[in-house]
Amino acid sequence: MKTPFLRRTLTAAAATGSAAALLLAAAGGAAAHVGVTPDKTSANSYALLTFGIPHGCDGSGTTKVAITLPPELNDAQPTVNPNWTVEKVTEQLPEPKKLADGTSITKRTSQIVYTAKAPLEHQLRDALVLSVKLPDAPGSTLYFPTFQTCETGQTDWSEIARDGQDPHSLAAPAPSLTVTEEEASTEGHGAAATAVPLATEQAAATADGGADARSWAGLGAGLAGLVLGGAAFIRSAGRPSGTGSNNATGG
């Protein structure tokens, strides 16, 4: 017959195991999609957007990544990545678009296309960084449909959740970010457009792995709790069964 302590220990162990399984699933899901991590999201600011390429297509290496810019953006400046060549694709606007400074444009950059110099192996990841000026539209969500071409196969990361739909239920969601309120002071174009220092690029390249690190840290804490619970059970099981009655008699 199980003692109350044993039942509590087994219940705690089961709960910890379930939590660990959920954390593992979350960590795997966070790394599965092509996503974007901005270094800032405030309206009218210049931001560095890091697109993480976590894997190929069903085991096949990635050869090309085409990032479509949302209509709210007029241009993007790609950061040089030695593993890829890059080009801008422009489109003719149906009518001139007036800018905040009073000038007008008739063309915009619609897509940034990175082509791998050698296929990015399925088990490896890389990061592609764009510098953009975010629009004066706090509260709006910008979507960046991304088409991933592989040696064999392709993946179109362009799904957008409908009203009321859980974005996490999408099989191939488009990378996205939400614009926040404008900050009191923003950096000038020169600061954002210059080459990114090595340390900054390394941080940007791993930014989208932050959620994974937190998930693994939580998993470690849960497993540690399980070990401590097991140790307490072993100590309790090793005590003489008559100890409790002796103490009662001595009182």
Protein backbone atom coordinates (compact mmCIF):
# COMPACT_ATOMS: atom_id res chain seq x y z
CA MET A 1 0.00 0.00 0.00
CA LYS A 2 1.39 3.38 -0.94
CA THR A 3 2.11 5.79 1.91
CA PRO A 4 0.82 9.40 1.69
CA PHE A 5 4.40 10.58 1.22
CA LEU A 6 4.96 8.12 -1.65
CA ARG A 7 1.73 9.24 -3.32
CA ARG A 8 2.77 12.90 -3.01
CA THR A 9 6.21 12.12 -4.43
CA LEU A 10 4.81 10.20 -7.40
CA THR A 11 2.26 12.96 -8.07
CA ALA A 12 5.00 15.59 -8.04
CA ALA A 13 7.16 13.46 -10.32
CA ALA A 14 4.29 13.04 -12.80
CA ALA A 15 3.60 16.78 -12.79
CA THR A 16 7.28 17.54 -13.34
CA GLY A 17 7.45 15.04 -16.19
CA SER A 18 4.41 16.61 -17.86
CA ALA A 19 5.89 20.09 -17.49
CA ALA A 20 9.18 18.86 -18.95
CA ALA A 21 7.37 17.39 -21.95
CA LEU A 22 5.53 20.67 -22.54
CA LEU A 23 8.77 22.64 -22.31
CA LEU A 24 10.45 20.32 -24.80
CA ALA A 25 7.54 20.75 -27.21
CA ALA A 26 7.64 24.52 -26.81
CA ALA A 27 11.38 24.62 -27.40
CA GLY A 28 11.02 22.52 -30.54
CA GLY A 29 8.13 24.65 -31.84
CA ALA A 30 10.02 27.91 -31.26
CA ALA A 31 12.87 26.71 -33.44
CA ALA A 32 10.72 25.18 -36.20
CA HIS A 33 9.52 28.27 -38.07
CA VAL A 34 11.23 30.98 -40.06
CA GLY A 35 10.69 33.99 -37.83
CA VAL A 36 11.74 37.62 -37.44
CA THR A 37 13.27 39.24 -34.34
CA PRO A 38 13.41 43.07 -34.34
CA ASP A 39 15.88 44.97 -32.18
CA LYS A 40 13.17 47.63 -31.77
CA THR A 41 9.51 48.03 -32.73
CA SER A 42 8.70 51.71 -32.05
CA ALA A 43 6.97 53.69 -34.80
CA ASN A 44 9.19 55.83 -37.04
CA SER A 45 12.34 54.11 -35.78
CA TYR A 46 15.10 52.41 -37.76
CA ALA A 47 15.15 48.75 -36.79
CA LEU A 48 17.30 45.72 -37.50
CA LEU A 49 15.14 42.72 -38.38
CA THR A 50 16.79 39.31 -37.97
CA PHE A 51 15.20 36.49 -39.95
CA GLY A 52 16.18 33.09 -38.53
CA ILE A 53 16.47 30.20 -41.00
CA PRO A 54 16.29 27.17 -38.67
CA HIS A 55 16.20 24.25 -41.10
CA GLY A 56 15.78 23.16 -44.70
CA CYS A 57 12.83 21.42 -46.39
CA ASP A 58 12.28 17.86 -45.14
CA GLY A 59 16.00 17.21 -44.84
CA SER A 60 17.00 19.14 -47.97
CA GLY A 61 19.42 22.10 -47.76
CA THR A 62 18.22 25.70 -48.29
CA THR A 63 19.36 27.42 -51.51
CA LYS A 64 17.33 30.64 -51.57
CA VAL A 65 15.26 32.81 -49.22
CA ALA A 66 12.95 35.49 -50.67
CA ILE A 67 11.58 37.95 -48.07
CA THR A 68 8.57 40.00 -49.23
CA LEU A 69 8.26 43.44 -47.64
CA PRO A 70 4.84 44.58 -46.41
CA PRO A 71 3.26 47.48 -48.37
CA GLU A 72 3.90 49.80 -45.39
CA LEU A 73 7.65 49.67 -46.12
CA ASN A 74 9.26 51.38 -49.11
CA ASP A 75 12.75 49.91 -48.81
CA ALA A 76 15.08 47.71 -46.79
CA GLN A 77 18.85 47.63 -46.52
CA PRO A 78 20.21 44.05 -46.36
CA THR A 79 23.16 43.29 -44.10
CA VAL A 80 25.95 41.48 -45.93
CA ASN A 81 26.16 37.79 -45.06
CA PRO A 82 29.28 36.03 -46.44
CA ASN A 83 27.31 32.82 -47.04
CA TRP A 84 24.80 34.46 -49.37
CA THR A 85 24.48 36.82 -52.32
CA VAL A 86 21.63 39.32 -52.06
CA GLU A 87 19.54 41.41 -54.41
CA LYS A 88 16.65 43.85 -54.17
CA VAL A 89 13.52 43.39 -56.26
CA THR A 90 11.60 46.59 -57.06
CA GLU A 91 8.03 47.09 -58.21
CA GLN A 92 6.24 49.92 -59.99
CA LEU A 93 3.56 51.52 -57.82
CA PRO A 94 0.08 51.87 -59.35
CA GLU A 95 0.27 55.56 -58.51
CA PRO A 96 2.88 57.88 -56.94
CA LYS A 97 3.20 57.57 -53.19
CA LYS A 98 3.75 60.74 -51.18
CA LEU A 99 6.30 60.55 -48.37
CA ALA A 100 6.38 62.37 -45.04
CA ASP A 101 9.01 64.82 -46.31
CA GLY A 102 6.75 65.92 -49.15
CA THR A 103 8.51 63.99 -51.92
CA SER A 104 6.92 61.22 -53.95
CA ILE A 105 8.10 57.81 -55.16
CA THR A 106 6.90 55.71 -58.08
CA LYS A 107 8.78 52.52 -57.19
CA ARG A 108 9.45 50.60 -53.99
CA THR A 109 11.54 47.64 -52.88
CA SER A 110 9.08 44.76 -52.74
CA GLN A 111 11.40 41.85 -51.97
CA ILE A 112 14.86 40.97 -50.70
CA VAL A 113 16.26 37.76 -52.16
CA TYR A 114 19.16 35.90 -50.55
CA THR A 115 20.79 33.12 -52.59
CA ALA A 116 23.09 30.67 -50.79
CA LYS A 117 26.62 30.34 -52.19
CA ALA A 118 26.42 26.71 -51.05
CA PRO A 119 23.22 25.01 -49.80
CA LEU A 120 22.60 25.62 -46.10
CA GLU A 121 22.50 22.11 -44.67
CA HIS A 122 19.24 21.03 -43.06
CA GLN A 123 20.75 20.60 -39.59
CA LEU A 124 22.37 24.07 -39.62
CA ARG A 125 20.83 27.51 -39.17
CA ASP A 126 21.66 31.02 -40.32
CA ALA A 127 20.39 34.59 -39.80
CA LEU A 128 19.60 37.24 -42.41
CA VAL A 129 19.42 40.85 -41.20
CA LEU A 130 17.57 43.79 -42.79
CA SER A 131 17.60 47.44 -41.75
CA VAL A 132 14.22 49.16 -42.21
CA LYS A 133 12.39 52.28 -41.11
CA LEU A 134 9.20 51.27 -39.36
CA PRO A 135 6.04 53.19 -40.33
CA ASP A 136 4.16 55.68 -38.19
CA ALA A 137 1.49 53.11 -37.42
CA PRO A 138 1.57 51.99 -33.77
CA GLY A 139 -0.57 48.95 -33.12
CA SER A 140 -0.32 47.64 -36.68
CA THR A 141 1.16 44.24 -37.50
CA LEU A 142 3.65 43.93 -40.36
CA TYR A 143 3.88 40.60 -42.17
CA PHE A 144 6.93 39.42 -44.13
CA PRO A 145 5.90 36.40 -46.26
CA THR A 146 9.07 34.38 -46.85
CA PHE A 147 9.58 31.81 -49.59
CA GLN A 148 12.24 29.22 -48.79
CA THR A 149 13.66 27.22 -51.70
CA CYS A 150 15.66 24.05 -51.08
CA GLU A 151 17.66 21.62 -53.19
CA THR A 152 14.54 19.48 -53.12
CA GLY A 153 11.24 21.07 -52.19
CA GLN A 154 10.22 24.47 -50.88
CA THR A 155 8.27 26.07 -48.04
CA ASP A 156 6.05 29.15 -48.36
CA TRP A 157 6.03 30.89 -44.97
CA SER A 158 3.07 33.15 -45.76
CA GLU A 159 0.09 32.03 -43.66
CA ILE A 160 -1.66 34.81 -41.71
CA ALA A 161 -4.11 34.03 -38.92
CA ARG A 162 -7.73 34.99 -39.50
CA ASP A 163 -9.69 36.93 -36.86
CA GLY A 164 -10.06 34.70 -33.83
CA GLN A 165 -7.63 32.08 -35.12
CA ASP A 166 -4.68 31.03 -32.96
CA PRO A 167 -1.47 31.99 -34.84
CA HIS A 168 0.28 29.01 -33.25
CA SER A 169 -2.07 26.68 -35.13
CA LEU A 170 -0.63 27.74 -38.50
CA ALA A 171 1.65 25.25 -40.25
CA ALA A 172 3.74 27.88 -42.09
CA PRO A 173 3.10 31.32 -40.55
CA ALA A 174 4.53 34.47 -42.12
CA PRO A 175 7.17 36.19 -39.96
CA SER A 176 5.60 39.26 -38.35
CA LEU A 177 6.08 42.08 -35.85
CA THR A 178 3.77 44.59 -34.19
CA VAL A 179 4.66 48.29 -34.29
CA THR A 180 4.58 49.99 -30.87
CA GLU A 181 4.25 53.61 -29.80
CA GLU A 182 6.94 56.01 -30.96
CA GLU A 183 9.75 56.65 -28.49
CA ALA A 184 10.57 60.12 -27.23
CA SER A 185 13.77 60.14 -29.27
CA THR A 186 14.80 57.88 -32.14
CA GLU A 187 18.14 57.17 -33.74
CA GLY A 188 19.07 58.83 -37.00
CA HIS A 189 19.33 56.98 -40.29
CA GLY A 190 23.10 57.04 -40.21
CA ALA A 191 23.32 55.03 -37.01
CA ALA A 192 21.02 52.31 -38.30
CA ALA A 193 22.36 52.15 -41.83
CA THR A 194 26.03 51.69 -40.97
CA ALA A 195 27.57 48.22 -40.96
CA VAL A 196 26.56 46.25 -37.89
CA PRO A 197 29.45 45.55 -35.48
CA LEU A 198 30.43 41.91 -35.18
CA ALA A 199 29.16 41.61 -31.61
CA THR A 200 25.80 43.11 -32.62
CA GLU A 201 25.44 40.72 -35.55
CA GLN A 202 26.28 37.76 -33.33
CA ALA A 203 23.63 38.89 -30.86
CA ALA A 204 21.10 39.40 -33.65
CA ALA A 205 21.86 36.00 -35.14
CA THR A 206 20.99 34.30 -31.86
CA ALA A 207 18.19 36.61 -30.75
CA ASP A 208 15.45 34.30 -31.97
CA GLY A 209 17.00 31.50 -29.87
CA GLY A 210 16.26 33.39 -26.62
CA ALA A 211 12.91 31.69 -26.21
CA ASP A 212 14.63 28.32 -26.63
CA ALA A 213 17.18 29.17 -23.93
CA ARG A 214 14.44 30.18 -21.51
CA SER A 215 12.55 26.97 -22.27
CA TRP A 216 15.63 24.83 -21.59
CA ALA A 217 16.31 26.77 -18.37
CA GLY A 218 12.75 26.08 -17.19
CA LEU A 219 13.16 22.43 -18.11
CA GLY A 220 16.37 22.24 -16.06
CA ALA A 221 14.62 23.76 -13.05
CA GLY A 222 11.78 21.26 -13.34
CA LEU A 223 14.15 18.30 -13.56
CA ALA A 224 16.10 19.62 -10.55
CA GLY A 225 12.85 19.67 -8.58
CA LEU A 226 12.21 16.07 -9.57
CA VAL A 227 15.68 15.01 -8.35
CA LEU A 228 15.20 16.78 -4.99
CA GLY A 229 11.81 15.12 -4.55
CA GLY A 230 13.31 11.70 -5.24
CA ALA A 231 16.12 12.31 -2.75
CA ALA A 232 13.62 13.28 -0.05
CA PHE A 233 11.67 10.10 -0.71
CA ILE A 234 14.80 7.93 -0.40
CA ARG A 235 15.76 9.59 2.92
CA SER A 236 12.26 9.03 4.28
CA ALA A 237 12.15 5.41 3.14
CA GLY A 238 15.47 4.70 4.92
CA ARG A 239 14.21 5.73 8.38
CA PRO A 240 13.26 2.91 10.88
CA SER A 241 9.53 2.30 10.86
CA GLY A 242 9.30 2.39 14.65
CA THR A 243 10.80 5.83 15.12
CA GLY A 244 7.46 7.58 15.24
CA SER A 245 6.02 5.27 18.00
CA ASN A 246 9.20 5.58 20.16
CA ASN A 247 8.95 9.33 20.09
CA ALA A 248 5.31 9.17 21.06
CA THR A 249 6.07 6.85 23.99
CA GLY A 250 8.91 9.01 25.23
CA GLY A 251 6.60 12.02 25.34
